[in-house]
Protein backbone atom coordinates (compact mmCIF):
# COMPACT_ATOMS: atom_id res chain seq x y z
CA MET A 1 -18.61 -7.31 23.76
CA SER A 2 -18.80 -4.89 26.60
CA PRO A 3 -19.55 -1.22 26.50
CA SER A 4 -18.06 0.58 29.46
CA GLN A 5 -18.13 4.05 30.99
CA GLU A 6 -21.17 6.28 30.80
CA MET A 7 -20.69 9.29 28.59
CA GLY A 8 -23.91 10.93 29.52
CA GLY A 9 -27.53 10.10 28.78
CA ASN A 10 -27.96 6.70 27.22
CA GLN A 11 -24.56 6.80 25.47
CA THR A 12 -21.73 4.50 26.47
CA SER A 13 -18.16 4.47 25.23
CA VAL A 14 -17.03 1.54 23.09
CA THR A 15 -13.97 -0.38 24.29
CA GLU A 16 -13.87 -2.93 21.47
CA PHE A 17 -15.18 -3.54 17.98
CA LEU A 18 -16.31 -6.60 16.06
CA LEU A 19 -15.07 -6.89 12.50
CA LEU A 20 -17.80 -8.45 10.36
CA GLY A 21 -15.42 -9.40 7.56
CA PHE A 22 -17.14 -11.48 4.88
CA PRO A 23 -20.54 -13.12 5.61
CA LEU A 24 -19.69 -16.61 4.31
CA SER A 25 -20.26 -20.20 5.37
CA ARG A 26 -17.82 -21.79 7.82
CA ARG A 27 -16.40 -24.07 5.13
CA THR A 28 -15.78 -21.14 2.78
CA GLN A 29 -14.12 -19.16 5.57
CA LEU A 30 -11.71 -22.03 6.27
CA LEU A 31 -10.95 -22.34 2.55
CA LEU A 32 -10.25 -18.61 2.34
CA PHE A 33 -8.07 -18.87 5.46
CA GLY A 34 -5.86 -21.37 3.64
CA LEU A 35 -5.71 -19.35 0.41
CA PHE A 36 -5.09 -16.04 2.16
CA SER A 37 -2.43 -17.60 4.41
CA LEU A 38 -0.56 -18.85 1.35
CA SER A 39 -0.86 -15.47 -0.40
CA TYR A 40 0.35 -13.71 2.75
CA ALA A 41 3.32 -16.06 3.13
CA PHE A 42 4.30 -15.68 -0.54
CA SER A 43 4.01 -11.88 -0.39
CA LEU A 44 6.35 -11.79 2.63
CA LEU A 45 8.71 -14.23 0.90
CA GLY A 46 8.68 -12.38 -2.42
CA ASN A 47 9.33 -8.97 -0.91
CA GLY A 48 11.90 -10.49 1.43
CA VAL A 49 13.76 -11.98 -1.56
CA ILE A 50 13.72 -8.60 -3.32
CA LEU A 51 15.14 -6.93 -0.20
CA GLY A 52 17.80 -9.63 0.17
CA LEU A 53 18.89 -9.42 -3.47
CA ILE A 54 19.16 -5.63 -3.37
CA SER A 55 21.16 -5.61 -0.14
CA LEU A 56 23.52 -8.45 -1.12
CA ASP A 57 24.13 -7.72 -4.83
CA SER A 58 26.28 -4.61 -5.37
CA ARG A 59 25.07 -4.32 -8.99
CA LEU A 60 21.62 -3.48 -7.65
CA HIS A 61 22.92 -0.63 -5.49
CA THR A 62 21.35 2.01 -7.74
CA PRO A 63 18.66 4.65 -7.06
CA MET A 64 15.96 2.62 -8.80
CA TYR A 65 16.54 -0.46 -6.64
CA PHE A 66 17.05 1.69 -3.54
CA PHE A 67 13.48 2.95 -3.99
CA LEU A 68 12.30 -0.55 -4.86
CA SER A 69 13.71 -1.80 -1.54
CA HIS A 70 11.63 0.83 0.27
CA LEU A 71 8.58 -0.25 -1.73
CA ALA A 72 9.22 -3.85 -0.62
CA ILE A 73 9.42 -2.72 3.03
CA VAL A 74 6.13 -0.84 2.64
CA ASP A 75 4.48 -3.89 1.04
CA ILE A 76 5.62 -6.14 3.90
CA THR A 77 4.40 -3.77 6.61
CA TYR A 78 1.23 -2.99 4.63
CA ALA A 79 0.30 -6.68 4.48
CA CYS A 80 1.26 -7.26 8.13
CA THR A 81 -1.11 -4.47 9.20
CA THR A 82 -4.32 -5.95 7.77
CA VAL A 83 -3.92 -9.61 6.79
CA PRO A 84 -3.16 -11.23 10.21
CA GLN A 85 -6.30 -9.70 11.75
CA MET A 86 -8.33 -10.88 8.77
CA LEU A 87 -6.96 -14.43 9.19
CA VAL A 88 -7.87 -14.37 12.90
CA ASN A 89 -11.41 -13.28 12.02
CA LEU A 90 -11.78 -16.09 9.49
CA LEU A 91 -10.93 -18.64 12.20
CA ASN A 92 -12.85 -16.90 14.98
CA PRO A 93 -15.43 -14.40 13.63
CA ALA A 94 -16.65 -13.56 17.15
CA LYS A 95 -13.22 -12.40 18.38
CA PRO A 96 -13.30 -8.60 18.90
CA ILE A 97 -10.51 -6.07 18.41
CA SER A 98 -9.83 -3.52 21.14
CA PHE A 99 -10.47 0.18 20.58
CA ALA A 100 -6.73 0.94 20.90
CA GLY A 101 -5.87 -1.91 18.53
CA CYS A 102 -8.41 -0.67 16.00
CA MET A 103 -7.09 2.91 16.08
CA THR A 104 -3.51 1.62 15.77
CA GLN A 105 -4.45 -0.50 12.76
CA THR A 106 -6.17 2.48 11.09
CA PHE A 107 -3.10 4.67 11.64
CA LEU A 108 -0.61 2.06 10.38
CA PHE A 109 -2.71 1.23 7.32
CA LEU A 110 -2.96 4.91 6.37
CA THR A 111 0.76 5.46 7.00
CA PHE A 112 1.91 2.63 4.73
CA ALA A 113 -0.72 3.31 2.04
CA LEU A 114 0.16 7.03 1.89
CA THR A 115 3.89 6.27 1.92
CA GLU A 116 3.46 3.86 -1.01
CA CYS A 117 1.61 6.57 -2.97
CA LEU A 118 4.53 8.96 -2.51
CA LEU A 119 7.19 6.31 -3.19
CA LEU A 120 5.57 5.45 -6.54
CA VAL A 121 5.77 9.14 -7.50
CA VAL A 122 9.44 9.25 -6.50
CA MET A 123 10.12 6.11 -8.55
CA SER A 124 8.46 7.64 -11.61
CA TYR A 125 10.61 10.76 -11.18
CA ASP A 126 13.71 8.53 -11.01
CA ARG A 127 12.72 6.84 -14.31
CA TYR A 128 11.97 10.24 -15.86
CA VAL A 129 15.46 11.55 -15.01
CA ALA A 130 17.15 8.28 -16.07
CA ILE A 131 15.54 8.26 -19.54
CA CYS A 132 14.98 11.94 -20.33
CA HIS A 133 18.20 13.29 -18.76
CA PRO A 134 20.65 10.36 -18.77
CA LEU A 135 23.81 12.50 -18.80
CA GLN A 136 22.76 14.39 -15.67
CA TYR A 137 21.27 11.34 -13.93
CA SER A 138 24.11 10.66 -11.49
CA VAL A 139 24.21 14.33 -10.49
CA ILE A 140 20.45 14.83 -10.12
CA MET A 141 19.79 11.47 -8.42
CA SER A 142 22.72 11.53 -6.01
CA TRP A 143 22.54 9.32 -2.94
CA ARG A 144 21.84 12.37 -0.80
CA VAL A 145 18.82 13.23 -2.98
CA CYS A 146 17.62 9.60 -2.97
CA ILE A 147 17.78 9.32 0.82
CA THR A 148 16.02 12.70 1.18
CA LEU A 149 13.21 11.63 -1.17
CA ALA A 150 12.74 8.28 0.62
CA VAL A 151 12.73 9.85 4.10
CA THR A 152 10.33 12.57 2.92
CA SER A 153 7.92 9.91 1.61
CA TRP A 154 7.92 8.10 4.96
CA VAL A 155 7.62 11.28 7.04
CA CYS A 156 4.84 12.79 4.91
CA GLY A 157 2.92 9.49 4.91
CA SER A 158 3.16 9.27 8.71
CA LEU A 159 2.18 12.91 9.28
CA LEU A 160 -0.85 12.71 6.97
CA ALA A 161 -1.99 9.53 8.74
CA LEU A 162 -1.48 11.27 12.09
CA VAL A 163 -3.79 14.10 10.99
CA HIS A 164 -6.58 11.60 10.22
CA LEU A 165 -5.99 9.83 13.56
CA ALA A 166 -6.08 13.14 15.46
CA LEU A 167 -9.49 13.90 13.91
CA LEU A 168 -10.75 10.36 14.54
CA LEU A 169 -9.81 9.88 18.22
CA PRO A 170 -11.98 12.66 19.73
CA LEU A 171 -15.15 11.24 18.13
CA PRO A 172 -17.56 9.44 20.49
CA PHE A 173 -18.33 5.82 19.63
CA CYS A 174 -21.47 4.70 21.44
CA GLY A 175 -22.57 1.71 19.39
CA PRO A 176 -23.22 -0.31 17.38
CA GLN A 177 -19.82 -1.93 17.73
CA LYS A 178 -19.83 -3.86 14.44
CA ILE A 179 -17.47 -2.66 11.68
CA ASN A 180 -18.61 -3.79 8.25
CA HIS A 181 -15.10 -4.59 7.06
CA PHE A 182 -12.24 -7.07 7.51
CA PHE A 183 -10.04 -4.48 9.25
CA CYS A 184 -10.42 -1.04 10.84
CA GLU A 185 -10.67 0.90 7.60
CA ILE A 186 -11.20 4.60 8.33
CA ILE A 187 -14.45 5.08 6.37
CA ALA A 188 -16.01 1.99 7.98
CA VAL A 189 -14.93 3.18 11.45
CA LEU A 190 -16.34 6.68 10.88
CA LYS A 191 -19.78 5.19 10.16
CA LEU A 192 -19.94 4.02 13.81
CA ALA A 193 -19.31 7.45 15.35
CA CYS A 194 -22.34 8.95 17.09
CA ALA A 195 -21.38 12.50 16.08
CA ASP A 196 -21.11 14.58 12.94
CA THR A 197 -18.26 13.13 10.83
CA HIS A 198 -18.59 15.59 7.93
CA VAL A 199 -15.18 17.17 8.63
CA ASN A 200 -13.52 13.75 8.85
CA GLU A 201 -15.09 12.59 5.57
CA MET A 202 -14.06 15.81 3.82
CA MET A 203 -10.50 15.36 5.12
CA VAL A 204 -10.42 11.76 3.84
CA LEU A 205 -11.61 12.94 0.43
CA ALA A 206 -9.18 15.88 0.37
CA GLY A 207 -6.33 13.58 1.42
CA ALA A 208 -7.28 11.05 -1.26
CA VAL A 209 -7.33 13.72 -3.95
CA SER A 210 -4.00 15.18 -2.81
CA VAL A 211 -2.11 11.86 -2.55
CA LEU A 212 -3.91 9.88 -5.26
CA VAL A 213 -5.23 12.11 -8.05
CA GLY A 214 -2.41 14.69 -7.83
CA PRO A 215 0.49 12.20 -7.77
CA PHE A 216 -1.18 9.96 -10.37
CA SER A 217 -1.47 12.98 -12.71
CA SER A 218 2.21 13.79 -12.21
CA ILE A 219 3.12 10.15 -12.98
CA VAL A 220 1.07 10.28 -16.20
CA ILE A 221 2.82 13.51 -17.24
CA SER A 222 6.23 11.97 -16.44
CA TYR A 223 5.46 8.93 -18.58
CA ILE A 224 4.30 11.08 -21.49
CA HIS A 225 7.79 12.64 -21.50
CA ILE A 226 9.38 9.20 -20.99
CA LEU A 227 7.43 7.76 -23.94
CA ARG A 228 8.58 10.59 -26.19
CA ALA A 229 12.19 10.01 -25.14
CA ILE A 230 11.90 6.23 -25.69
CA LEU A 231 10.47 6.71 -29.18
CA LYS A 232 13.47 8.89 -30.09
CA MET A 233 16.00 6.24 -29.00
CA GLN A 234 18.18 4.81 -31.77
CA SER A 235 19.65 1.89 -29.82
CA GLY A 236 17.46 -1.22 -29.79
CA GLU A 237 19.06 -2.46 -26.56
CA GLY A 238 18.51 0.88 -24.83
CA LEU A 239 14.92 0.96 -26.05
CA GLN A 240 14.25 -2.55 -24.70
CA LYS A 241 15.87 -1.79 -21.32
CA ALA A 242 13.93 1.46 -20.92
CA PHE A 243 10.64 -0.20 -21.88
CA SER A 244 11.28 -3.13 -19.51
CA THR A 245 11.96 -1.01 -16.41
CA CYS A 246 9.16 1.46 -17.15
CA SER A 247 6.55 -1.21 -17.90
CA SER A 248 7.24 -2.83 -14.51
CA HIS A 249 6.67 0.45 -12.71
CA LEU A 250 3.58 1.23 -14.79
CA CYS A 251 2.02 -2.14 -13.87
CA VAL A 252 2.57 -1.48 -10.17
CA VAL A 253 1.23 2.09 -10.49
CA GLY A 254 -1.83 0.86 -12.38
CA LEU A 255 -2.63 -1.81 -9.78
CA PHE A 256 -2.20 0.53 -6.83
CA TYR A 257 -3.81 3.74 -8.05
CA SER A 258 -6.75 2.24 -9.93
CA THR A 259 -8.12 0.40 -6.87
CA ALA A 260 -7.26 3.22 -4.43
CA ILE A 261 -8.96 5.92 -6.53
CA ILE A 262 -12.12 3.82 -6.94
CA ILE A 263 -12.28 3.18 -3.19
CA TYR A 264 -11.46 6.62 -1.80
CA VAL A 265 -12.20 9.18 -4.52
CA GLY A 266 -15.46 7.62 -5.67
CA PRO A 267 -18.76 8.31 -3.85
CA GLN A 268 -18.76 7.01 -0.28
CA HIS A 269 -22.53 6.94 0.15
CA GLY A 270 -24.94 4.81 -1.80
CA GLY A 271 -22.15 3.03 -3.68
CA PRO A 272 -21.50 -0.70 -3.90
CA LYS A 273 -19.97 -1.11 -0.40
CA GLU A 274 -19.32 -4.85 -0.73
CA GLN A 275 -17.52 -4.35 -4.05
CA LYS A 276 -15.27 -1.73 -2.44
CA LYS A 277 -14.56 -4.13 0.40
CA TYR A 278 -13.41 -6.80 -2.07
CA LEU A 279 -11.36 -4.19 -3.96
CA LEU A 280 -9.62 -3.26 -0.73
CA LEU A 281 -9.01 -6.95 -0.07
CA PHE A 282 -7.25 -7.15 -3.45
CA HIS A 283 -5.42 -3.93 -2.60
CA SER A 284 -4.21 -5.26 0.76
CA LEU A 285 -3.50 -8.89 -0.14
CA CYS A 286 -2.69 -9.07 -3.86
CA ASN A 287 -0.68 -5.87 -4.40
CA PRO A 288 2.11 -6.89 -1.97
CA LEU A 289 2.14 -10.32 -3.63
CA LEU A 290 2.15 -9.09 -7.24
CA ASN A 291 4.66 -6.24 -6.89
CA PRO A 292 7.78 -8.45 -6.40
CA LEU A 293 6.54 -10.81 -9.14
CA ILE A 294 6.13 -7.93 -11.60
CA TYR A 295 9.58 -6.52 -10.90
CA SER A 296 11.31 -9.92 -10.91
CA LEU A 297 9.65 -11.04 -14.15
CA ARG A 298 10.13 -7.75 -16.02
CA SER A 299 13.60 -6.79 -14.78
CA LYS A 300 16.66 -8.39 -16.35
CA GLU A 301 18.82 -7.06 -13.50
CA VAL A 302 16.73 -8.88 -10.89
CA LYS A 303 16.77 -12.10 -12.95
CA ALA A 304 20.54 -11.83 -13.32
CA ALA A 305 20.92 -11.20 -9.58
CA VAL A 306 18.88 -14.33 -8.80
CA LYS A 307 21.08 -16.40 -11.15
CA ARG A 308 24.26 -15.03 -9.56
CA MET A 309 22.92 -15.78 -6.09
CA LEU A 310 21.96 -19.36 -7.04
CA LYS A 311 25.33 -19.90 -8.71
CA LYS A 312 27.11 -18.64 -5.61
CA GLN A 313 25.08 -21.01 -3.42
CA ARG A 314 25.99 -23.99 -5.62
CA THR A 315 29.70 -23.23 -5.62
CA SER A 316 29.90 -22.53 -1.87
C-alpha cells in the first residue's frame, strides 16, 4: 500500500484503498466465498432467465414486464458492481483497490441503487393505473410513456450519483487507507477523508430522503388506492390476479426499501456499523437473487411462459 505525492505538510495523497470486509477466520472466509459465489451465480441466472422470457415470449410484452426487465438489468449490474470485489477480498484480503476503481465502484453502486428506487415507484404507478383505471390503462401507459418513464429513471439515477461523485472527488484522502466495508460504500469512504465532510453527509442524507422516503410514501399511497379498488372487485379471478401481481411487487418493495432506509436514513454516527454492513450485504447479494424468485413464484404469466418455453424446447 503506497501513498504517493505530497499534498503539503505531512499529508500524502492516497492512490489505493484496502477493503477490510469481514474480520473472519480463513476457513470461514473460504466457506463464505463458496456460498456467495453460488448466490451470485444464481442471481445472474435468475435475472437472465427473466430477461430471456420477457424478450422471447410475446405474451409478456406488456408495460409491467417491460419495467420488470429493466429491474432485472439493474439487479444484474447492481450485483456485478459489488459482489466480484467482495469475492476477491475473501480470497485475498490484502489485495487493495485503486483510487480510481474505488470511485468508479461508488458511482456505479449509487447509480444502480438510485435507478432501482425510481423503477420501483414507476412499477407501483403502473399497477395503480392497471387496477384503479383499467379502461384507460392502454392510453395512459402507452409504449411512449413506458419508455419515457424507464429512461427517466436511468437518467435521474445516474445524475444523482454523479452529484455525489462530484462532491466526493475533490476531498483529500491522506490516510488511513483502510475502508471498513466490503466495497467502496460512500459513507465508509467519506470517513477516510481528511477534510470536513459535513456537506457530503448532508447531501447523502438529503438524497436518501428524496429517493427513499419520498418514493416509498408515494408507493404506500398508491397501494392504499389499489387495496380499495381490489376490495371492490366482484370477479374472483380478477381479484386473485390483482392480488398476485401486487403482492410480488410489494415483497420486492419491502425488501429493498426497508434495508435501504435503515442504512441511509438512520443515524450514521454511533449506530451499529457492523449490523449496517451485514444489512448492505443482504441488500447487495440477496435482493438480486430474491427478486426473480418472487416474481416467478407469484406470477402466473411467468410460470406459464416457462412452461411454454420448456414445451417448445422438447418439441424442437
